[in-house]
């Protein structure tokens, strides 16, 4: 059974850091590029960052460059998103999924940036 579980969200003050994780199961994790998506309030879900299947390539949307870092641990079937210098525009539900061949979406995790 394919499953994506994304714990780790929460409330963070502007300028603060937060690290998200996503545990995957039910498929051969190391075969797939993985991505973090986010859905701001009232908006569509959007791609934020992705990492290649071997971890060597990473791509960030402009708003994430220099502030977000994606990484993966294939031994743990987990992809991470380290975020820093968060601002209110980063408030969203964050999801992970396979890039280009998505499976059923997990619950996501709410990240709220607020003073």
C-alpha atoms as a PDB file:
ATOM      1  CA  UNK A   1       0.000   0.000   0.000  1.00  0.00           C
ATOM      2  CA  UNK A   2       1.434   3.328  -1.065  1.00  0.00           C
ATOM      3  CA  UNK A   3       1.547   5.891   1.680  1.00  0.00           C
ATOM      4  CA  UNK A   4       3.051   9.322   2.241  1.00  0.00           C
ATOM      5  CA  UNK A   5       3.122  10.709   5.751  1.00  0.00           C
ATOM      6  CA  UNK A   6       4.204  14.266   6.418  1.00  0.00           C
ATOM      7  CA  UNK A   7       4.555  15.188  10.070  1.00  0.00           C
ATOM      8  CA  UNK A   8       6.519  18.162  11.316  1.00  0.00           C
ATOM      9  CA  UNK A   9       4.483  21.246  10.547  1.00  0.00           C
ATOM     10  CA  UNK A  10       3.370  23.859  13.001  1.00  0.00           C
ATOM     11  CA  UNK A  11       3.391  27.512  13.909  1.00  0.00           C
ATOM     12  CA  UNK A  12       6.596  29.445  13.417  1.00  0.00           C
ATOM     13  CA  UNK A  13       7.441  33.101  13.772  1.00  0.00           C
ATOM     14  CA  UNK A  14       8.531  35.125  10.750  1.00  0.00           C
ATOM     15  CA  UNK A  15      12.212  34.651  10.159  1.00  0.00           C
ATOM     16  CA  UNK A  16      12.262  31.311  11.923  1.00  0.00           C
ATOM     17  CA  UNK A  17      13.221  27.847  10.686  1.00  0.00           C
ATOM     18  CA  UNK A  18      11.271  24.640  10.356  1.00  0.00           C
ATOM     19  CA  UNK A  19      12.106  21.183   9.101  1.00  0.00           C
ATOM     20  CA  UNK A  20       9.566  18.905   7.495  1.00  0.00           C
ATOM     21  CA  UNK A  21       9.864  15.219   6.799  1.00  0.00           C
ATOM     22  CA  UNK A  22       7.952  12.850   4.597  1.00  0.00           C
ATOM     23  CA  UNK A  23       8.025   9.112   5.085  1.00  0.00           C
ATOM     24  CA  UNK A  24       7.140   7.070   2.022  1.00  0.00           C
ATOM     25  CA  UNK A  25       6.146   3.442   1.757  1.00  0.00           C
ATOM     26  CA  UNK A  26       4.717   1.057  -0.774  1.00  0.00           C
ATOM     27  CA  UNK A  27       7.075   1.790  -3.651  1.00  0.00           C
ATOM     28  CA  UNK A  28      10.795   1.693  -4.371  1.00  0.00           C
ATOM     29  CA  UNK A  29      11.650   5.105  -2.994  1.00  0.00           C
ATOM     30  CA  UNK A  30      15.164   5.263  -4.429  1.00  0.00           C
ATOM     31  CA  UNK A  31      13.820   4.931  -7.976  1.00  0.00           C
ATOM     32  CA  UNK A  32      11.909   8.208  -7.892  1.00  0.00           C
ATOM     33  CA  UNK A  33      12.539  11.902  -7.865  1.00  0.00           C
ATOM     34  CA  UNK A  34      10.631  13.387  -4.963  1.00  0.00           C
ATOM     35  CA  UNK A  35       9.066  16.778  -4.543  1.00  0.00           C
ATOM     36  CA  UNK A  36       7.555  19.061  -1.968  1.00  0.00           C
ATOM     37  CA  UNK A  37       4.395  20.875  -2.942  1.00  0.00           C
ATOM     38  CA  UNK A  38       2.474  23.469  -1.027  1.00  0.00           C
ATOM     39  CA  UNK A  39      -1.029  24.841  -1.064  1.00  0.00           C
ATOM     40  CA  UNK A  40      -1.437  28.334   0.348  1.00  0.00           C
ATOM     41  CA  UNK A  41      -4.843  29.286   1.750  1.00  0.00           C
ATOM     42  CA  UNK A  42      -7.358  29.748  -1.043  1.00  0.00           C
ATOM     43  CA  UNK A  43      -4.896  28.798  -3.767  1.00  0.00           C
ATOM     44  CA  UNK A  44      -4.003  25.800  -5.860  1.00  0.00           C
ATOM     45  CA  UNK A  45      -1.330  23.338  -4.849  1.00  0.00           C
ATOM     46  CA  UNK A  46       2.003  24.254  -6.365  1.00  0.00           C
ATOM     47  CA  UNK A  47       5.383  22.640  -6.772  1.00  0.00           C
ATOM     48  CA  UNK A  48       7.981  24.158  -4.461  1.00  0.00           C
ATOM     49  CA  UNK A  49      11.078  22.023  -4.806  1.00  0.00           C
ATOM     50  CA  UNK A  50      12.197  18.636  -6.052  1.00  0.00           C
ATOM     51  CA  UNK A  51      15.161  16.334  -5.744  1.00  0.00           C
ATOM     52  CA  UNK A  52      16.349  13.776  -8.256  1.00  0.00           C
ATOM     53  CA  UNK A  53      16.176  10.058  -7.611  1.00  0.00           C
ATOM     54  CA  UNK A  54      19.875   9.976  -6.782  1.00  0.00           C
ATOM     55  CA  UNK A  55      19.884  13.180  -4.778  1.00  0.00           C
ATOM     56  CA  UNK A  56      22.289  14.973  -7.085  1.00  0.00           C
ATOM     57  CA  UNK A  57      19.844  17.348  -8.718  1.00  0.00           C
ATOM     58  CA  UNK A  58      17.636  19.779  -6.884  1.00  0.00           C
ATOM     59  CA  UNK A  59      15.340  22.443  -8.287  1.00  0.00           C
ATOM     60  CA  UNK A  60      13.683  25.231  -6.346  1.00  0.00           C
ATOM     61  CA  UNK A  61      11.029  27.718  -7.293  1.00  0.00           C
ATOM     62  CA  UNK A  62      12.289  31.282  -7.098  1.00  0.00           C
ATOM     63  CA  UNK A  63      10.588  32.044  -3.801  1.00  0.00           C
ATOM     64  CA  UNK A  64      12.326  29.086  -2.166  1.00  0.00           C
ATOM     65  CA  UNK A  65      15.836  29.618  -3.447  1.00  0.00           C
ATOM     66  CA  UNK A  66      18.319  30.320  -0.704  1.00  0.00           C
ATOM     67  CA  UNK A  67      15.790  29.539   2.023  1.00  0.00           C
ATOM     68  CA  UNK A  68      14.653  25.959   1.438  1.00  0.00           C
ATOM     69  CA  UNK A  69      16.831  22.858   1.225  1.00  0.00           C
ATOM     70  CA  UNK A  70      15.509  19.501   0.136  1.00  0.00           C
ATOM     71  CA  UNK A  71      17.302  16.281   0.953  1.00  0.00           C
ATOM     72  CA  UNK A  72      16.575  12.591   1.026  1.00  0.00           C
ATOM     73  CA  UNK A  73      17.583   9.519   2.969  1.00  0.00           C
ATOM     74  CA  UNK A  74      16.877   6.456   0.884  1.00  0.00           C
ATOM     75  CA  UNK A  75      17.720   4.143   3.769  1.00  0.00           C
ATOM     76  CA  UNK A  76      14.766   5.641   5.621  1.00  0.00           C
ATOM     77  CA  UNK A  77      12.532   6.217   2.593  1.00  0.00           C
ATOM     78  CA  UNK A  78      12.277   9.799   3.727  1.00  0.00           C
ATOM     79  CA  UNK A  79      12.535  13.175   2.082  1.00  0.00           C
ATOM     80  CA  UNK A  80      13.147  16.313   4.102  1.00  0.00           C
ATOM     81  CA  UNK A  81      12.536  19.999   3.648  1.00  0.00           C
ATOM     82  CA  UNK A  82      14.618  22.347   5.734  1.00  0.00           C
ATOM     83  CA  UNK A  83      13.185  25.851   5.649  1.00  0.00           C
ATOM     84  CA  UNK A  84      14.695  29.021   7.069  1.00  0.00           C
ATOM     85  CA  UNK A  85      13.864  32.691   7.119  1.00  0.00           C
ATOM     86  CA  UNK A  86      10.202  31.846   6.776  1.00  0.00           C
ATOM     87  CA  UNK A  87       7.713  34.561   5.946  1.00  0.00           C
ATOM     88  CA  UNK A  88       3.946  34.808   5.980  1.00  0.00           C
ATOM     89  CA  UNK A  89       3.787  33.892   2.285  1.00  0.00           C
ATOM     90  CA  UNK A  90       5.151  30.459   3.197  1.00  0.00           C
ATOM     91  CA  UNK A  91       1.979  29.689   5.126  1.00  0.00           C
ATOM     92  CA  UNK A  92       0.486  26.655   3.419  1.00  0.00           C
ATOM     93  CA  UNK A  93      -0.244  22.981   3.681  1.00  0.00           C
ATOM     94  CA  UNK A  94       2.888  21.162   2.576  1.00  0.00           C
ATOM     95  CA  UNK A  95       2.781  17.831   0.789  1.00  0.00           C
ATOM     96  CA  UNK A  96       5.369  15.504  -0.636  1.00  0.00           C
ATOM     97  CA  UNK A  97       4.934  13.219  -3.606  1.00  0.00           C
ATOM     98  CA  UNK A  98       6.786  11.582  -6.405  1.00  0.00           C
ATOM     99  CA  UNK A  99       7.732  13.999  -9.136  1.00  0.00           C
ATOM    100  CA  UNK A 100       6.085  13.245 -12.461  1.00  0.00           C
ATOM    101  CA  UNK A 101       4.435  10.044 -11.306  1.00  0.00           C
ATOM    102  CA  UNK A 102       2.426  11.064  -8.275  1.00  0.00           C
ATOM    103  CA  UNK A 103       0.689   8.610  -6.012  1.00  0.00           C
ATOM    104  CA  UNK A 104      -2.206   9.256  -3.675  1.00  0.00           C
ATOM    105  CA  UNK A 105      -1.626  12.428  -1.713  1.00  0.00           C
ATOM    106  CA  UNK A 106      -1.015  12.246   1.998  1.00  0.00           C
ATOM    107  CA  UNK A 107      -2.702  14.450   4.565  1.00  0.00           C
ATOM    108  CA  UNK A 108      -0.055  17.109   4.261  1.00  0.00           C
ATOM    109  CA  UNK A 109       1.192  19.199   7.113  1.00  0.00           C
ATOM    110  CA  UNK A 110       0.127  22.716   7.982  1.00  0.00           C
ATOM    111  CA  UNK A 111       2.832  25.339   8.230  1.00  0.00           C
ATOM    112  CA  UNK A 112       1.697  28.671   9.614  1.00  0.00           C
ATOM    113  CA  UNK A 113       4.061  31.615   9.733  1.00  0.00           C
ATOM    114  CA  UNK A 114       2.759  34.236  12.073  1.00  0.00           C
ATOM    115  CA  UNK A 115       3.876  36.526  14.844  1.00  0.00           C
END
